[in-house]
PDB file of N, CA and C in Angstrom:
ATOM      1  N   UNK A   1     -16.805  -0.680  21.966  1.00  0.00           N
ATOM      2  CA  UNK A   1     -16.419   0.275  20.932  1.00  0.00           C
ATOM      3  C   UNK A   1     -14.986  -0.017  20.469  1.00  0.00           C
ATOM      4  N   UNK A   2     -14.737   0.105  19.186  1.00  0.00           N
ATOM      5  CA  UNK A   2     -13.366  -0.095  18.697  1.00  0.00           C
ATOM      6  C   UNK A   2     -12.415   0.943  19.283  1.00  0.00           C
ATOM      7  N   UNK A   3     -11.184   0.530  19.548  1.00  0.00           N
ATOM      8  CA  UNK A   3     -10.161   1.435  20.076  1.00  0.00           C
ATOM      9  C   UNK A   3      -9.293   2.013  18.976  1.00  0.00           C
ATOM     10  N   UNK A   4      -9.057   1.212  17.929  1.00  0.00           N
ATOM     11  CA  UNK A   4      -8.202   1.673  16.839  1.00  0.00           C
ATOM     12  C   UNK A   4      -8.326   0.697  15.681  1.00  0.00           C
ATOM     13  N   UNK A   5      -7.722   1.065  14.587  1.00  0.00           N
ATOM     14  CA  UNK A   5      -7.645   0.181  13.426  1.00  0.00           C
ATOM     15  C   UNK A   5      -6.536  -0.826  13.700  1.00  0.00           C
ATOM     16  N   UNK A   6      -6.847  -2.111  13.600  1.00  0.00           N
ATOM     17  CA  UNK A   6      -5.850  -3.143  13.865  1.00  0.00           C
ATOM     18  C   UNK A   6      -5.057  -3.478  12.606  1.00  0.00           C
ATOM     19  N   UNK A   7      -5.757  -3.764  11.510  1.00  0.00           N
ATOM     20  CA  UNK A   7      -5.082  -4.072  10.253  1.00  0.00           C
ATOM     21  C   UNK A   7      -6.071  -3.956   9.100  1.00  0.00           C
ATOM     22  N   UNK A   8      -5.525  -3.924   7.901  1.00  0.00           N
ATOM     23  CA  UNK A   8      -6.309  -3.968   6.671  1.00  0.00           C
ATOM     24  C   UNK A   8      -5.805  -5.169   5.898  1.00  0.00           C
ATOM     25  N   UNK A   9      -6.703  -6.076   5.527  1.00  0.00           N
ATOM     26  CA  UNK A   9      -6.321  -7.257   4.756  1.00  0.00           C
ATOM     27  C   UNK A   9      -6.612  -7.011   3.281  1.00  0.00           C
ATOM     28  N   UNK A  10      -5.637  -7.307   2.449  1.00  0.00           N
ATOM     29  CA  UNK A  10      -5.777  -7.177   1.006  1.00  0.00           C
ATOM     30  C   UNK A  10      -5.510  -8.525   0.363  1.00  0.00           C
ATOM     31  N   UNK A  11      -6.392  -8.967  -0.507  1.00  0.00           N
ATOM     32  CA  UNK A  11      -6.191 -10.213  -1.235  1.00  0.00           C
ATOM     33  C   UNK A  11      -5.365  -9.902  -2.479  1.00  0.00           C
ATOM     34  N   UNK A  12      -4.221 -10.582  -2.589  1.00  0.00           N
ATOM     35  CA  UNK A  12      -3.291 -10.354  -3.699  1.00  0.00           C
ATOM     36  C   UNK A  12      -2.826 -11.698  -4.258  1.00  0.00           C
ATOM     37  N   UNK A  13      -2.393 -11.681  -5.512  1.00  0.00           N
ATOM     38  CA  UNK A  13      -1.887 -12.919  -6.133  1.00  0.00           C
ATOM     39  C   UNK A  13      -0.556 -13.361  -5.531  1.00  0.00           C
ATOM     40  N   UNK A  14       0.324 -12.392  -5.263  1.00  0.00           N
ATOM     41  CA  UNK A  14       1.662 -12.712  -4.787  1.00  0.00           C
ATOM     42  C   UNK A  14       2.023 -11.777  -3.631  1.00  0.00           C
ATOM     43  N   UNK A  15       1.779 -12.207  -2.388  1.00  0.00           N
ATOM     44  CA  UNK A  15       2.025 -11.330  -1.242  1.00  0.00           C
ATOM     45  C   UNK A  15       3.458 -10.809  -1.154  1.00  0.00           C
ATOM     46  N   UNK A  16       4.437 -11.623  -1.467  1.00  0.00           N
ATOM     47  CA  UNK A  16       5.832 -11.185  -1.373  1.00  0.00           C
ATOM     48  C   UNK A  16       6.113 -10.091  -2.389  1.00  0.00           C
ATOM     49  N   UNK A  17       5.645 -10.260  -3.607  1.00  0.00           N
ATOM     50  CA  UNK A  17       5.845  -9.243  -4.654  1.00  0.00           C
ATOM     51  C   UNK A  17       5.195  -7.916  -4.254  1.00  0.00           C
ATOM     52  N   UNK A  18       3.976  -7.978  -3.725  1.00  0.00           N
ATOM     53  CA  UNK A  18       3.283  -6.756  -3.303  1.00  0.00           C
ATOM     54  C   UNK A  18       4.019  -6.099  -2.146  1.00  0.00           C
ATOM     55  N   UNK A  19       4.489  -6.889  -1.189  1.00  0.00           N
ATOM     56  CA  UNK A  19       5.249  -6.337  -0.063  1.00  0.00           C
ATOM     57  C   UNK A  19       6.518  -5.653  -0.558  1.00  0.00           C
ATOM     58  N   UNK A  20       7.181  -6.252  -1.534  1.00  0.00           N
ATOM     59  CA  UNK A  20       8.397  -5.652  -2.091  1.00  0.00           C
ATOM     60  C   UNK A  20       8.097  -4.319  -2.772  1.00  0.00           C
ATOM     61  N   UNK A  21       6.932  -4.216  -3.421  1.00  0.00           N
ATOM     62  CA  UNK A  21       6.537  -2.940  -4.019  1.00  0.00           C
ATOM     63  C   UNK A  21       6.449  -1.862  -2.941  1.00  0.00           C
ATOM     64  N   UNK A  22       5.777  -2.176  -1.832  1.00  0.00           N
ATOM     65  CA  UNK A  22       5.660  -1.195  -0.751  1.00  0.00           C
ATOM     66  C   UNK A  22       7.026  -0.815  -0.196  1.00  0.00           C
ATOM     67  N   UNK A  23       7.932  -1.771  -0.095  1.00  0.00           N
ATOM     68  CA  UNK A  23       9.255  -1.448   0.445  1.00  0.00           C
ATOM     69  C   UNK A  23      10.074  -0.590  -0.526  1.00  0.00           C
ATOM     70  N   UNK A  24       9.802  -0.700  -1.825  1.00  0.00           N
ATOM     71  CA  UNK A  24      10.476   0.149  -2.806  1.00  0.00           C
ATOM     72  C   UNK A  24       9.954   1.578  -2.751  1.00  0.00           C
ATOM     73  N   UNK A  25       8.658   1.728  -2.488  1.00  0.00           N
ATOM     74  CA  UNK A  25       8.017   3.045  -2.555  1.00  0.00           C
ATOM     75  C   UNK A  25       8.149   3.818  -1.249  1.00  0.00           C
ATOM     76  N   UNK A  26       8.033   3.127  -0.116  1.00  0.00           N
ATOM     77  CA  UNK A  26       7.993   3.799   1.182  1.00  0.00           C
ATOM     78  C   UNK A  26       9.232   3.449   2.002  1.00  0.00           C
ATOM     79  N   UNK A  27       9.962   4.481   2.413  1.00  0.00           N
ATOM     80  CA  UNK A  27      11.178   4.284   3.201  1.00  0.00           C
ATOM     81  C   UNK A  27      10.921   3.548   4.511  1.00  0.00           C
ATOM     82  N   UNK A  28       9.763   3.764   5.125  1.00  0.00           N
ATOM     83  CA  UNK A  28       9.511   3.212   6.456  1.00  0.00           C
ATOM     84  C   UNK A  28       8.753   1.881   6.438  1.00  0.00           C
ATOM     85  N   UNK A  29       8.533   1.290   5.271  1.00  0.00           N
ATOM     86  CA  UNK A  29       7.803   0.020   5.206  1.00  0.00           C
ATOM     87  C   UNK A  29       8.626  -1.088   5.855  1.00  0.00           C
ATOM     88  N   UNK A  30       7.978  -1.835   6.753  1.00  0.00           N
ATOM     89  CA  UNK A  30       8.607  -2.988   7.389  1.00  0.00           C
ATOM     90  C   UNK A  30       7.833  -4.236   6.995  1.00  0.00           C
ATOM     91  N   UNK A  31       8.517  -5.196   6.433  1.00  0.00           N
ATOM     92  CA  UNK A  31       7.878  -6.434   5.978  1.00  0.00           C
ATOM     93  C   UNK A  31       8.119  -7.525   7.013  1.00  0.00           C
ATOM     94  N   UNK A  32       7.053  -8.247   7.325  1.00  0.00           N
ATOM     95  CA  UNK A  32       7.146  -9.378   8.245  1.00  0.00           C
ATOM     96  C   UNK A  32       6.498 -10.584   7.582  1.00  0.00           C
ATOM     97  N   UNK A  33       7.217 -11.699   7.565  1.00  0.00           N
ATOM     98  CA  UNK A  33       6.688 -12.942   7.008  1.00  0.00           C
ATOM     99  C   UNK A  33       6.381 -13.871   8.170  1.00  0.00           C
ATOM    100  N   UNK A  34       5.131 -14.306   8.257  1.00  0.00           N
ATOM    101  CA  UNK A  34       4.726 -15.184   9.336  1.00  0.00           C
ATOM    102  C   UNK A  34       4.980 -16.636   9.015  1.00  0.00           C
ATOM    103  N   UNK A  35       4.660 -17.465   9.971  1.00  0.00           N
ATOM    104  CA  UNK A  35       4.839 -18.914   9.813  1.00  0.00           C
ATOM    105  C   UNK A  35       3.700 -19.498   8.996  1.00  0.00           C
ATOM    106  N   UNK A  36       3.936 -20.667   8.457  1.00  0.00           N
ATOM    107  CA  UNK A  36       2.923 -21.413   7.706  1.00  0.00           C
ATOM    108  C   UNK A  36       1.736 -21.677   8.621  1.00  0.00           C
ATOM    109  N   UNK A  37       0.527 -21.405   8.133  1.00  0.00           N
ATOM    110  CA  UNK A  37      -0.675 -21.595   8.947  1.00  0.00           C
ATOM    111  C   UNK A  37      -1.247 -23.006   8.836  1.00  0.00           C
ATOM    112  N   UNK A  38      -0.526 -23.899   8.170  1.00  0.00           N
ATOM    113  CA  UNK A  38      -0.992 -25.263   8.010  1.00  0.00           C
ATOM    114  C   UNK A  38      -1.626 -25.513   6.655  1.00  0.00           C
ATOM    115  N   UNK A  39      -2.011 -24.461   5.962  1.00  0.00           N
ATOM    116  CA  UNK A  39      -2.608 -24.585   4.634  1.00  0.00           C
ATOM    117  C   UNK A  39      -1.606 -24.273   3.529  1.00  0.00           C
ATOM    118  N   UNK A  40      -0.353 -24.088   3.906  1.00  0.00           N
ATOM    119  CA  UNK A  40       0.667 -23.762   2.915  1.00  0.00           C
ATOM    120  C   UNK A  40       0.778 -22.271   2.654  1.00  0.00           C
ATOM    121  N   UNK A  41      -0.012 -21.475   3.366  1.00  0.00           N
ATOM    122  CA  UNK A  41       0.043 -20.025   3.196  1.00  0.00           C
ATOM    123  C   UNK A  41       0.851 -19.402   4.329  1.00  0.00           C
ATOM    124  N   UNK A  42       1.519 -18.354   4.018  1.00  0.00           N
ATOM    125  CA  UNK A  42       2.272 -17.599   5.003  1.00  0.00           C
ATOM    126  C   UNK A  42       1.675 -16.200   5.042  1.00  0.00           C
ATOM    127  N   UNK A  43       1.453 -15.681   6.241  1.00  0.00           N
ATOM    128  CA  UNK A  43       1.029 -14.290   6.357  1.00  0.00           C
ATOM    129  C   UNK A  43       2.193 -13.399   5.958  1.00  0.00           C
ATOM    130  N   UNK A  44       1.934 -12.450   5.113  1.00  0.00           N
ATOM    131  CA  UNK A  44       2.900 -11.407   4.815  1.00  0.00           C
ATOM    132  C   UNK A  44       2.271 -10.116   5.273  1.00  0.00           C
ATOM    133  N   UNK A  45       2.951  -9.425   6.166  1.00  0.00           N
ATOM    134  CA  UNK A  45       2.435  -8.176   6.704  1.00  0.00           C
ATOM    135  C   UNK A  45       3.399  -7.057   6.374  1.00  0.00           C
ATOM    136  N   UNK A  46       2.817  -5.891   6.084  1.00  0.00           N
ATOM    137  CA  UNK A  46       3.616  -4.698   5.853  1.00  0.00           C
ATOM    138  C   UNK A  46       3.160  -3.651   6.855  1.00  0.00           C
ATOM    139  N   UNK A  47       4.083  -3.213   7.689  1.00  0.00           N
ATOM    140  CA  UNK A  47       3.812  -2.119   8.617  1.00  0.00           C
ATOM    141  C   UNK A  47       4.156  -0.838   7.880  1.00  0.00           C
ATOM    142  N   UNK A  48       3.171   0.047   7.774  1.00  0.00           N
ATOM    143  CA  UNK A  48       3.345   1.245   6.959  1.00  0.00           C
ATOM    144  C   UNK A  48       2.560   2.399   7.560  1.00  0.00           C
ATOM    145  N   UNK A  49       3.256   3.418   7.989  1.00  0.00           N
ATOM    146  CA  UNK A  49       2.590   4.591   8.524  1.00  0.00           C
ATOM    147  C   UNK A  49       1.684   4.290   9.704  1.00  0.00           C
ATOM    148  N   UNK A  50       2.088   3.359  10.543  1.00  0.00           N
ATOM    149  CA  UNK A  50       1.283   3.006  11.705  1.00  0.00           C
ATOM    150  C   UNK A  50       0.130   2.069  11.395  1.00  0.00           C
ATOM    151  N   UNK A  51       0.043   1.590  10.161  1.00  0.00           N
ATOM    152  CA  UNK A  51      -1.027   0.685   9.751  1.00  0.00           C
ATOM    153  C   UNK A  51      -0.407  -0.649   9.335  1.00  0.00           C
ATOM    154  N   UNK A  52      -1.058  -1.728   9.710  1.00  0.00           N
ATOM    155  CA  UNK A  52      -0.614  -3.050   9.296  1.00  0.00           C
ATOM    156  C   UNK A  52      -1.455  -3.500   8.109  1.00  0.00           C
ATOM    157  N   UNK A  53      -0.801  -3.737   6.978  1.00  0.00           N
ATOM    158  CA  UNK A  53      -1.467  -4.305   5.814  1.00  0.00           C
ATOM    159  C   UNK A  53      -1.150  -5.793   5.795  1.00  0.00           C
ATOM    160  N   UNK A  54      -2.179  -6.631   5.893  1.00  0.00           N
ATOM    161  CA  UNK A  54      -2.001  -8.075   5.828  1.00  0.00           C
ATOM    162  C   UNK A  54      -2.282  -8.497   4.395  1.00  0.00           C
ATOM    163  N   UNK A  55      -1.289  -9.068   3.751  1.00  0.00           N
ATOM    164  CA  UNK A  55      -1.404  -9.475   2.353  1.00  0.00           C
ATOM    165  C   UNK A  55      -1.737 -10.961   2.312  1.00  0.00           C
ATOM    166  N   UNK A  56      -2.914 -11.268   1.799  1.00  0.00           N
ATOM    167  CA  UNK A  56      -3.437 -12.625   1.793  1.00  0.00           C
ATOM    168  C   UNK A  56      -3.426 -13.158   0.362  1.00  0.00           C
ATOM    169  N   UNK A  57      -2.833 -14.319   0.169  1.00  0.00           N
ATOM    170  CA  UNK A  57      -2.784 -14.919  -1.164  1.00  0.00           C
ATOM    171  C   UNK A  57      -4.186 -15.356  -1.583  1.00  0.00           C
ATOM    172  N   UNK A  58      -4.580 -14.969  -2.796  1.00  0.00           N
ATOM    173  CA  UNK A  58      -5.879 -15.364  -3.320  1.00  0.00           C
ATOM    174  C   UNK A  58      -6.158 -14.676  -4.636  1.00  0.00           C
ATOM    175  N   UNK A  59      -7.414 -14.699  -5.032  1.00  0.00           N
ATOM    176  CA  UNK A  59      -7.831 -14.052  -6.268  1.00  0.00           C
ATOM    177  C   UNK A  59      -8.269 -12.633  -5.941  1.00  0.00           C
ATOM    178  N   UNK A  60      -7.517 -11.642  -6.412  1.00  0.00           N
ATOM    179  CA  UNK A  60      -7.824 -10.243  -6.083  1.00  0.00           C
ATOM    180  C   UNK A  60      -9.038  -9.753  -6.857  1.00  0.00           C
ATOM    181  N   UNK A  61      -9.499  -8.539  -6.556  1.00  0.00           N
ATOM    182  CA  UNK A  61     -10.623  -7.975  -7.298  1.00  0.00           C
ATOM    183  C   UNK A  61     -10.306  -7.889  -8.787  1.00  0.00           C
ATOM    184  N   UNK A  62     -11.289  -8.176  -9.615  1.00  0.00           N
ATOM    185  CA  UNK A  62     -11.092  -8.171 -11.066  1.00  0.00           C
ATOM    186  C   UNK A  62     -10.925  -6.763 -11.615  1.00  0.00           C
ATOM    187  N   UNK A  63     -11.540  -5.793 -10.968  1.00  0.00           N
ATOM    188  CA  UNK A  63     -11.462  -4.402 -11.436  1.00  0.00           C
ATOM    189  C   UNK A  63     -11.352  -3.474 -10.230  1.00  0.00           C
ATOM    190  N   UNK A  64     -10.955  -2.254 -10.528  1.00  0.00           N
ATOM    191  CA  UNK A  64     -10.924  -1.219  -9.495  1.00  0.00           C
ATOM    192  C   UNK A  64     -12.331  -0.695  -9.263  1.00  0.00           C
ATOM    193  N   UNK A  65     -12.544  -0.172  -8.072  1.00  0.00           N
ATOM    194  CA  UNK A  65     -13.769   0.578  -7.795  1.00  0.00           C
ATOM    195  C   UNK A  65     -13.352   1.829  -7.035  1.00  0.00           C
ATOM    196  N   UNK A  66     -14.235   2.480  -6.368  1.00  0.00           N
ATOM    197  CA  UNK A  66     -13.888   3.713  -5.661  1.00  0.00           C
ATOM    198  C   UNK A  66     -13.169   3.504  -4.342  1.00  0.00           C
ATOM    199  N   UNK A  67     -13.064   2.245  -3.885  1.00  0.00           N
ATOM    200  CA  UNK A  67     -12.384   1.983  -2.618  1.00  0.00           C
ATOM    201  C   UNK A  67     -10.897   2.289  -2.750  1.00  0.00           C
ATOM    202  N   UNK A  68     -10.328   2.883  -1.708  1.00  0.00           N
ATOM    203  CA  UNK A  68      -8.890   3.116  -1.687  1.00  0.00           C
ATOM    204  C   UNK A  68      -8.433   3.341  -0.255  1.00  0.00           C
ATOM    205  N   UNK A  69      -7.138   3.260  -0.066  1.00  0.00           N
ATOM    206  CA  UNK A  69      -6.515   3.512   1.230  1.00  0.00           C
ATOM    207  C   UNK A  69      -5.660   4.758   1.058  1.00  0.00           C
ATOM    208  N   UNK A  70      -5.857   5.745   1.943  1.00  0.00           N
ATOM    209  CA  UNK A  70      -5.135   7.013   1.838  1.00  0.00           C
ATOM    210  C   UNK A  70      -4.161   7.165   3.007  1.00  0.00           C
ATOM    211  N   UNK A  71      -2.939   7.553   2.678  1.00  0.00           N
ATOM    212  CA  UNK A  71      -1.920   7.836   3.676  1.00  0.00           C
ATOM    213  C   UNK A  71      -1.607   9.326   3.638  1.00  0.00           C
ATOM    214  N   UNK A  72      -1.502   9.957   4.801  1.00  0.00           N
ATOM    215  CA  UNK A  72      -1.156  11.371   4.912  1.00  0.00           C
ATOM    216  C   UNK A  72       0.359  11.509   4.967  1.00  0.00           C
ATOM    217  N   UNK A  73       0.883  12.513   4.275  1.00  0.00           N
ATOM    218  CA  UNK A  73       2.325  12.763   4.271  1.00  0.00           C
ATOM    219  C   UNK A  73       2.609  14.182   3.825  1.00  0.00           C
ATOM    220  N   UNK A  74       3.855  14.569   3.936  1.00  0.00           N
ATOM    221  CA  UNK A  74       4.287  15.872   3.465  1.00  0.00           C
ATOM    222  C   UNK A  74       4.523  15.863   1.955  1.00  0.00           C
ATOM    223  N   UNK A  75       4.595  17.041   1.367  1.00  0.00           N
ATOM    224  CA  UNK A  75       4.759  17.172  -0.079  1.00  0.00           C
ATOM    225  C   UNK A  75       6.076  16.561  -0.570  1.00  0.00           C
ATOM    226  N   UNK A  76       7.171  16.804   0.157  1.00  0.00           N
ATOM    227  CA  UNK A  76       8.470  16.273  -0.281  1.00  0.00           C
ATOM    228  C   UNK A  76       8.443  14.747  -0.322  1.00  0.00           C
ATOM    229  N   UNK A  77       7.848  14.115   0.676  1.00  0.00           N
ATOM    230  CA  UNK A  77       7.773  12.653   0.693  1.00  0.00           C
ATOM    231  C   UNK A  77       6.859  12.152  -0.418  1.00  0.00           C
ATOM    232  N   UNK A  78       5.762  12.866  -0.672  1.00  0.00           N
ATOM    233  CA  UNK A  78       4.859  12.470  -1.758  1.00  0.00           C
ATOM    234  C   UNK A  78       5.601  12.477  -3.094  1.00  0.00           C
ATOM    235  N   UNK A  79       6.372  13.519  -3.346  1.00  0.00           N
ATOM    236  CA  UNK A  79       7.120  13.610  -4.597  1.00  0.00           C
ATOM    237  C   UNK A  79       8.192  12.522  -4.682  1.00  0.00           C
ATOM    238  N   UNK A  80       8.835  12.218  -3.557  1.00  0.00           N
ATOM    239  CA  UNK A  80       9.831  11.151  -3.540  1.00  0.00           C
ATOM    240  C   UNK A  80       9.164   9.798  -3.834  1.00  0.00           C
ATOM    241  N   UNK A  81       7.985   9.572  -3.262  1.00  0.00           N
ATOM    242  CA  UNK A  81       7.250   8.328  -3.533  1.00  0.00           C
ATOM    243  C   UNK A  81       6.853   8.250  -5.002  1.00  0.00           C
ATOM    244  N   UNK A  82       6.469   9.377  -5.594  1.00  0.00           N
ATOM    245  CA  UNK A  82       6.104   9.397  -7.011  1.00  0.00           C
ATOM    246  C   UNK A  82       7.283   8.973  -7.872  1.00  0.00           C
ATOM    247  N   UNK A  83       8.472   9.447  -7.532  1.00  0.00           N
ATOM    248  CA  UNK A  83       9.669   9.061  -8.286  1.00  0.00           C
ATOM    249  C   UNK A  83       9.956   7.569  -8.135  1.00  0.00           C
ATOM    250  N   UNK A  84       9.794   7.064  -6.918  1.00  0.00           N
ATOM    251  CA  UNK A  84      10.040   5.635  -6.684  1.00  0.00           C
ATOM    252  C   UNK A  84       9.012   4.779  -7.414  1.00  0.00           C
ATOM    253  N   UNK A  85       7.762   5.229  -7.455  1.00  0.00           N
ATOM    254  CA  UNK A  85       6.729   4.499  -8.199  1.00  0.00           C
ATOM    255  C   UNK A  85       7.093   4.425  -9.676  1.00  0.00           C
ATOM    256  N   UNK A  86       7.468   5.558 -10.239  1.00  0.00           N
ATOM    257  CA  UNK A  86       7.831   5.582 -11.657  1.00  0.00           C
ATOM    258  C   UNK A  86       9.035   4.689 -11.929  1.00  0.00           C
ATOM    259  N   UNK A  87      10.014   4.713 -11.029  1.00  0.00           N
ATOM    260  CA  UNK A  87      11.198   3.871 -11.195  1.00  0.00           C
ATOM    261  C   UNK A  87      10.833   2.389 -11.136  1.00  0.00           C
ATOM    262  N   UNK A  88       9.777   2.055 -10.395  1.00  0.00           N
ATOM    263  CA  UNK A  88       9.316   0.668 -10.291  1.00  0.00           C
ATOM    264  C   UNK A  88       8.362   0.297 -11.424  1.00  0.00           C
ATOM    265  N   UNK A  89       8.105   1.251 -12.324  1.00  0.00           N
ATOM    266  CA  UNK A  89       7.220   0.986 -13.454  1.00  0.00           C
ATOM    267  C   UNK A  89       5.746   1.038 -13.110  1.00  0.00           C
ATOM    268  N   UNK A  90       5.404   1.726 -12.027  1.00  0.00           N
ATOM    269  CA  UNK A  90       4.015   1.852 -11.588  1.00  0.00           C
ATOM    270  C   UNK A  90       3.501   3.243 -11.967  1.00  0.00           C
ATOM    271  N   UNK A  91       2.398   3.272 -12.684  1.00  0.00           N
ATOM    272  CA  UNK A  91       1.795   4.552 -13.050  1.00  0.00           C
ATOM    273  C   UNK A  91       1.203   5.216 -11.819  1.00  0.00           C
ATOM    274  N   UNK A  92       1.301   6.545 -11.791  1.00  0.00           N
ATOM    275  CA  UNK A  92       0.664   7.294 -10.715  1.00  0.00           C
ATOM    276  C   UNK A  92       0.054   8.561 -11.309  1.00  0.00           C
ATOM    277  N   UNK A  93      -0.923   9.084 -10.607  1.00  0.00           N
ATOM    278  CA  UNK A  93      -1.675  10.230 -11.097  1.00  0.00           C
ATOM    279  C   UNK A  93      -1.817  11.262  -9.993  1.00  0.00           C
ATOM    280  N   UNK A  94      -1.416  12.501 -10.280  1.00  0.00           N
ATOM    281  CA  UNK A  94      -1.631  13.605  -9.350  1.00  0.00           C
ATOM    282  C   UNK A  94      -3.046  14.130  -9.549  1.00  0.00           C
ATOM    283  N   UNK A  95      -3.696  14.509  -8.456  1.00  0.00           N
ATOM    284  CA  UNK A  95      -5.064  15.025  -8.516  1.00  0.00           C
ATOM    285  C   UNK A  95      -5.240  16.106  -7.451  1.00  0.00           C
ATOM    286  N   UNK A  96      -6.403  16.739  -7.490  1.00  0.00           N
ATOM    287  CA  UNK A  96      -6.771  17.771  -6.512  1.00  0.00           C
ATOM    288  C   UNK A  96      -5.665  18.817  -6.344  1.00  0.00           C
ATOM    289  N   UNK A  97      -5.263  19.409  -7.460  1.00  0.00           N
ATOM    290  CA  UNK A  97      -4.238  20.449  -7.395  1.00  0.00           C
ATOM    291  C   UNK A  97      -2.902  19.927  -6.921  1.00  0.00           C
ATOM    292  N   UNK A  98      -2.575  18.708  -7.278  1.00  0.00           N
ATOM    293  CA  UNK A  98      -1.322  18.044  -6.911  1.00  0.00           C
ATOM    294  C   UNK A  98      -1.181  17.787  -5.408  1.00  0.00           C
ATOM    295  N   UNK A  99      -2.297  17.794  -4.684  1.00  0.00           N
ATOM    296  CA  UNK A  99      -2.218  17.465  -3.261  1.00  0.00           C
ATOM    297  C   UNK A  99      -2.452  15.979  -3.010  1.00  0.00           C
ATOM    298  N   UNK A 100      -2.904  15.249  -4.022  1.00  0.00           N
ATOM    299  CA  UNK A 100      -3.149  13.813  -3.880  1.00  0.00           C
ATOM    300  C   UNK A 100      -2.481  13.067  -5.029  1.00  0.00           C
ATOM    301  N   UNK A 101      -1.815  11.991  -4.693  1.00  0.00           N
ATOM    302  CA  UNK A 101      -1.184  11.133  -5.680  1.00  0.00           C
ATOM    303  C   UNK A 101      -1.847   9.762  -5.564  1.00  0.00           C
ATOM    304  N   UNK A 102      -2.328   9.245  -6.675  1.00  0.00           N
ATOM    305  CA  UNK A 102      -2.992   7.935  -6.689  1.00  0.00           C
ATOM    306  C   UNK A 102      -2.145   6.935  -7.458  1.00  0.00           C
ATOM    307  N   UNK A 103      -2.108   5.702  -6.953  1.00  0.00           N
ATOM    308  CA  UNK A 103      -1.487   4.606  -7.674  1.00  0.00           C
ATOM    309  C   UNK A 103      -2.193   3.323  -7.281  1.00  0.00           C
ATOM    310  N   UNK A 104      -1.979   2.287  -8.074  1.00  0.00           N
ATOM    311  CA  UNK A 104      -2.542   0.990  -7.718  1.00  0.00           C
ATOM    312  C   UNK A 104      -1.433  -0.044  -7.687  1.00  0.00           C
ATOM    313  N   UNK A 105      -1.655  -1.075  -6.884  1.00  0.00           N
ATOM    314  CA  UNK A 105      -0.697  -2.169  -6.829  1.00  0.00           C
ATOM    315  C   UNK A 105      -0.938  -3.097  -8.007  1.00  0.00           C
ATOM    316  N   UNK A 106      -0.371  -4.271  -7.970  1.00  0.00           N
ATOM    317  CA  UNK A 106      -0.492  -5.223  -9.070  1.00  0.00           C
ATOM    318  C   UNK A 106      -1.864  -5.890  -9.133  1.00  0.00           C
ATOM    319  N   UNK A 107      -2.708  -5.640  -8.130  1.00  0.00           N
ATOM    320  CA  UNK A 107      -3.959  -6.382  -7.974  1.00  0.00           C
ATOM    321  C   UNK A 107      -5.201  -5.492  -7.858  1.00  0.00           C
ATOM    322  N   UNK A 108      -5.167  -4.313  -8.462  1.00  0.00           N
ATOM    323  CA  UNK A 108      -6.308  -3.393  -8.517  1.00  0.00           C
ATOM    324  C   UNK A 108      -6.667  -2.729  -7.192  1.00  0.00           C
ATOM    325  N   UNK A 109      -5.758  -2.724  -6.216  1.00  0.00           N
ATOM    326  CA  UNK A 109      -5.980  -1.967  -4.983  1.00  0.00           C
ATOM    327  C   UNK A 109      -5.430  -0.559  -5.204  1.00  0.00           C
ATOM    328  N   UNK A 110      -6.217   0.440  -4.862  1.00  0.00           N
ATOM    329  CA  UNK A 110      -5.828   1.830  -5.106  1.00  0.00           C
ATOM    330  C   UNK A 110      -5.367   2.467  -3.791  1.00  0.00           C
ATOM    331  N   UNK A 111      -4.300   3.258  -3.894  1.00  0.00           N
ATOM    332  CA  UNK A 111      -3.734   3.960  -2.749  1.00  0.00           C
ATOM    333  C   UNK A 111      -3.623   5.430  -3.088  1.00  0.00           C
ATOM    334  N   UNK A 112      -3.828   6.265  -2.080  1.00  0.00           N
ATOM    335  CA  UNK A 112      -3.715   7.715  -2.224  1.00  0.00           C
ATOM    336  C   UNK A 112      -2.652   8.199  -1.251  1.00  0.00           C
ATOM    337  N   UNK A 113      -1.777   9.065  -1.731  1.00  0.00           N
ATOM    338  CA  UNK A 113      -0.800   9.721  -0.888  1.00  0.00           C
ATOM    339  C   UNK A 113      -1.218  11.179  -0.814  1.00  0.00           C
ATOM    340  N   UNK A 114      -1.783  11.549   0.318  1.00  0.00           N
ATOM    341  CA  UNK A 114      -2.445  12.840   0.513  1.00  0.00           C
ATOM    342  C   UNK A 114      -1.532  13.792   1.286  1.00  0.00           C
ATOM    343  N   UNK A 115      -1.268  14.960   0.706  1.00  0.00           N
ATOM    344  CA  UNK A 115      -0.422  15.947   1.368  1.00  0.00           C
ATOM    345  C   UNK A 115      -1.219  16.631   2.472  1.00  0.00           C
ATOM    346  N   UNK A 116      -0.639  16.647   3.677  1.00  0.00           N
ATOM    347  CA  UNK A 116      -1.274  17.298   4.819  1.00  0.00           C
ATOM    348  C   UNK A 116      -0.590  18.643   5.073  1.00  0.00           C
ATOM    349  N   UNK A 117      -1.321  19.559   5.669  1.00  0.00           N
ATOM    350  CA  UNK A 117      -0.791  20.891   5.997  1.00  0.00           C
ATOM    351  C   UNK A 117       0.454  20.767   6.870  1.00  0.00           C
ATOM    352  N   UNK A 118       1.420  21.591   6.590  1.00  0.00           N
ATOM    353  CA  UNK A 118       2.640  21.618   7.396  1.00  0.00           C
ATOM    354  C   UNK A 118       3.588  20.473   7.110  1.00  0.00           C
ATOM    355  N   UNK A 119       3.252  19.623   6.114  1.00  0.00           N
ATOM    356  CA  UNK A 119       4.099  18.476   5.808  1.00  0.00           C
ATOM    357  C   UNK A 119       5.120  18.856   4.853  1.00  0.00           C
TER     358      UNK A 119
END
């Protein structure tokens, strides 16, 4: 049986650019660049909210679908992230009575910032 989520891999055109977006939006994002794997690719990992996002260079999805990754946070942090997204030129959308904020990265991956009780 699985013990926990180890990582989520996302295929992106430019792993460094995507990692920089996360570091602009989230105060606690930690970026790690791995060594060359022999194919000229470097693993770029972003530690975010206890989750490791592995950014893999490649051809990302052509369009969005209903898939998304949701992070739980307090309302004040959600609003701060919304301001940082706008400052970075990334559109975001409030939904569900302003308890959820949605945005996408440069490669059609959708993220939700979900306000949790007591946050």
